[in-house]
Amino acid sequence: KCANDLASRLSKLDRAAFLREAFLHVLSRPPTDAEAKTSSDGLKALQDQRSLFLQALFNHNDFVTLR
Protein backbone atom coordinates (compact mmCIF):
# COMPACT_ATOMS: atom_id res chain seq x y z
CA LYS A 1 0.00 0.00 0.00
CA CYS A 2 2.72 2.52 0.95
CA ALA A 3 4.74 1.73 -2.17
CA ASN A 4 1.68 2.09 -4.41
CA ASP A 5 0.69 5.40 -2.79
CA LEU A 6 4.17 6.88 -3.11
CA ALA A 7 4.52 5.62 -6.70
CA SER A 8 1.25 7.35 -7.52
CA ARG A 9 2.39 10.63 -5.92
CA LEU A 10 5.66 10.52 -7.90
CA SER A 11 4.14 9.26 -11.15
CA LYS A 12 4.63 12.45 -13.18
CA LEU A 13 8.40 12.56 -12.62
CA ASP A 14 10.94 11.26 -15.13
CA ARG A 15 13.09 8.31 -14.04
CA ALA A 16 15.99 10.35 -12.61
CA ALA A 17 13.72 12.70 -10.67
CA PHE A 18 11.62 9.76 -9.45
CA LEU A 19 14.71 7.98 -8.10
CA ARG A 20 15.99 11.11 -6.36
CA GLU A 21 12.58 11.80 -4.77
CA ALA A 22 12.09 8.15 -3.82
CA PHE A 23 15.37 8.16 -1.90
CA LEU A 24 14.51 11.46 -0.24
CA HIS A 25 11.05 10.27 0.80
CA VAL A 26 12.08 6.79 1.98
CA LEU A 27 15.65 7.24 3.25
CA SER A 28 15.69 11.01 3.91
CA ARG A 29 18.78 11.42 1.76
CA PRO A 30 19.66 11.57 -1.94
CA PRO A 31 21.14 8.48 -3.60
CA THR A 32 24.89 8.25 -4.03
CA ASP A 33 26.10 8.20 -7.63
CA ALA A 34 26.53 4.42 -7.43
CA GLU A 35 23.04 3.97 -5.94
CA ALA A 36 21.53 6.20 -8.63
CA LYS A 37 23.15 4.12 -11.40
CA THR A 38 22.21 0.79 -9.83
CA SER A 39 18.68 2.00 -9.10
CA SER A 40 18.20 3.26 -12.64
CA ASP A 41 19.36 -0.08 -14.04
CA GLY A 42 17.10 -1.91 -11.61
CA LEU A 43 14.09 0.21 -12.49
CA LYS A 44 14.70 -0.50 -16.18
CA ALA A 45 14.88 -4.23 -15.41
CA LEU A 46 11.55 -3.91 -13.57
CA GLN A 47 10.12 -2.32 -16.73
CA ASP A 48 9.58 0.93 -14.81
CA GLN A 49 7.21 -0.66 -12.29
CA ARG A 50 7.84 2.01 -9.71
CA SER A 51 5.86 0.45 -6.88
CA LEU A 52 8.05 -2.68 -7.10
CA PHE A 53 11.17 -0.54 -6.94
CA LEU A 54 9.78 1.29 -3.91
CA GLN A 55 9.04 -2.01 -2.16
CA ALA A 56 12.72 -2.86 -2.55
CA LEU A 57 13.73 0.58 -1.29
CA PHE A 58 11.53 0.13 1.80
CA ASN A 59 13.66 -2.95 2.52
CA HIS A 60 16.93 -0.99 2.26
CA ASN A 61 19.14 -1.45 5.30
CA ASP A 62 19.07 2.30 6.02
CA PHE A 63 15.28 2.16 6.28
CA VAL A 64 14.92 -0.92 8.45
CA THR A 65 17.86 -0.37 10.84
CA LEU A 66 17.68 1.90 13.87
CA ARG A 67 20.84 3.86 14.54
C-alpha atoms as a PDB file:
ATOM      1  CA  LYS A   1       0.000   0.000   0.000  1.00  0.00           C
ATOM      2  CA  CYS A   2       2.716   2.523   0.948  1.00  0.00           C
ATOM      3  CA  ALA A   3       4.743   1.729  -2.173  1.00  0.00           C
ATOM      4  CA  ASN A   4       1.681   2.095  -4.407  1.00  0.00           C
ATOM      5  CA  ASP A   5       0.685   5.397  -2.793  1.00  0.00           C
ATOM      6  CA  LEU A   6       4.168   6.877  -3.112  1.00  0.00           C
ATOM      7  CA  ALA A   7       4.517   5.621  -6.696  1.00  0.00           C
ATOM      8  CA  SER A   8       1.251   7.347  -7.515  1.00  0.00           C
ATOM      9  CA  ARG A   9       2.393  10.625  -5.924  1.00  0.00           C
ATOM     10  CA  LEU A  10       5.663  10.522  -7.895  1.00  0.00           C
ATOM     11  CA  SER A  11       4.137   9.262 -11.152  1.00  0.00           C
ATOM     12  CA  LYS A  12       4.634  12.449 -13.175  1.00  0.00           C
ATOM     13  CA  LEU A  13       8.405  12.561 -12.623  1.00  0.00           C
ATOM     14  CA  ASP A  14      10.941  11.261 -15.127  1.00  0.00           C
ATOM     15  CA  ARG A  15      13.092   8.307 -14.036  1.00  0.00           C
ATOM     16  CA  ALA A  16      15.987  10.353 -12.608  1.00  0.00           C
ATOM     17  CA  ALA A  17      13.715  12.699 -10.667  1.00  0.00           C
ATOM     18  CA  PHE A  18      11.621   9.759  -9.450  1.00  0.00           C
ATOM     19  CA  LEU A  19      14.709   7.984  -8.099  1.00  0.00           C
ATOM     20  CA  ARG A  20      15.985  11.115  -6.360  1.00  0.00           C
ATOM     21  CA  GLU A  21      12.582  11.804  -4.773  1.00  0.00           C
ATOM     22  CA  ALA A  22      12.088   8.150  -3.816  1.00  0.00           C
ATOM     23  CA  PHE A  23      15.369   8.160  -1.895  1.00  0.00           C
ATOM     24  CA  LEU A  24      14.508  11.461  -0.245  1.00  0.00           C
ATOM     25  CA  HIS A  25      11.047  10.265   0.805  1.00  0.00           C
ATOM     26  CA  VAL A  26      12.080   6.787   1.981  1.00  0.00           C
ATOM     27  CA  LEU A  27      15.646   7.243   3.253  1.00  0.00           C
ATOM     28  CA  SER A  28      15.688  11.009   3.907  1.00  0.00           C
ATOM     29  CA  ARG A  29      18.778  11.420   1.756  1.00  0.00           C
ATOM     30  CA  PRO A  30      19.658  11.568  -1.938  1.00  0.00           C
ATOM     31  CA  PRO A  31      21.140   8.484  -3.598  1.00  0.00           C
ATOM     32  CA  THR A  32      24.892   8.250  -4.027  1.00  0.00           C
ATOM     33  CA  ASP A  33      26.105   8.196  -7.628  1.00  0.00           C
ATOM     34  CA  ALA A  34      26.531   4.424  -7.426  1.00  0.00           C
ATOM     35  CA  GLU A  35      23.044   3.973  -5.939  1.00  0.00           C
ATOM     36  CA  ALA A  36      21.533   6.197  -8.628  1.00  0.00           C
ATOM     37  CA  LYS A  37      23.150   4.121 -11.399  1.00  0.00           C
ATOM     38  CA  THR A  38      22.208   0.788  -9.832  1.00  0.00           C
ATOM     39  CA  SER A  39      18.678   2.001  -9.101  1.00  0.00           C
ATOM     40  CA  SER A  40      18.196   3.265 -12.639  1.00  0.00           C
ATOM     41  CA  ASP A  41      19.361  -0.075 -14.038  1.00  0.00           C
ATOM     42  CA  GLY A  42      17.095  -1.911 -11.610  1.00  0.00           C
ATOM     43  CA  LEU A  43      14.090   0.208 -12.486  1.00  0.00           C
ATOM     44  CA  LYS A  44      14.704  -0.495 -16.176  1.00  0.00           C
ATOM     45  CA  ALA A  45      14.876  -4.230 -15.411  1.00  0.00           C
ATOM     46  CA  LEU A  46      11.547  -3.906 -13.573  1.00  0.00           C
ATOM     47  CA  GLN A  47      10.116  -2.321 -16.734  1.00  0.00           C
ATOM     48  CA  ASP A  48       9.576   0.927 -14.810  1.00  0.00           C
ATOM     49  CA  GLN A  49       7.210  -0.656 -12.295  1.00  0.00           C
ATOM     50  CA  ARG A  50       7.843   2.013  -9.710  1.00  0.00           C
ATOM     51  CA  SER A  51       5.863   0.449  -6.881  1.00  0.00           C
ATOM     52  CA  LEU A  52       8.046  -2.682  -7.101  1.00  0.00           C
ATOM     53  CA  PHE A  53      11.174  -0.535  -6.937  1.00  0.00           C
ATOM     54  CA  LEU A  54       9.776   1.292  -3.912  1.00  0.00           C
ATOM     55  CA  GLN A  55       9.040  -2.014  -2.163  1.00  0.00           C
ATOM     56  CA  ALA A  56      12.720  -2.862  -2.551  1.00  0.00           C
ATOM     57  CA  LEU A  57      13.732   0.580  -1.290  1.00  0.00           C
ATOM     58  CA  PHE A  58      11.526   0.127   1.800  1.00  0.00           C
ATOM     59  CA  ASN A  59      13.659  -2.954   2.518  1.00  0.00           C
ATOM     60  CA  HIS A  60      16.926  -0.988   2.256  1.00  0.00           C
ATOM     61  CA  ASN A  61      19.144  -1.449   5.299  1.00  0.00           C
ATOM     62  CA  ASP A  62      19.073   2.303   6.016  1.00  0.00           C
ATOM     63  CA  PHE A  63      15.277   2.164   6.278  1.00  0.00           C
ATOM     64  CA  VAL A  64      14.917  -0.921   8.452  1.00  0.00           C
ATOM     65  CA  THR A  65      17.862  -0.368  10.839  1.00  0.00           C
ATOM     66  CA  LEU A  66      17.680   1.899  13.868  1.00  0.00           C
ATOM     67  CA  ARG A  67      20.844   3.861  14.545  1.00  0.00           C
END
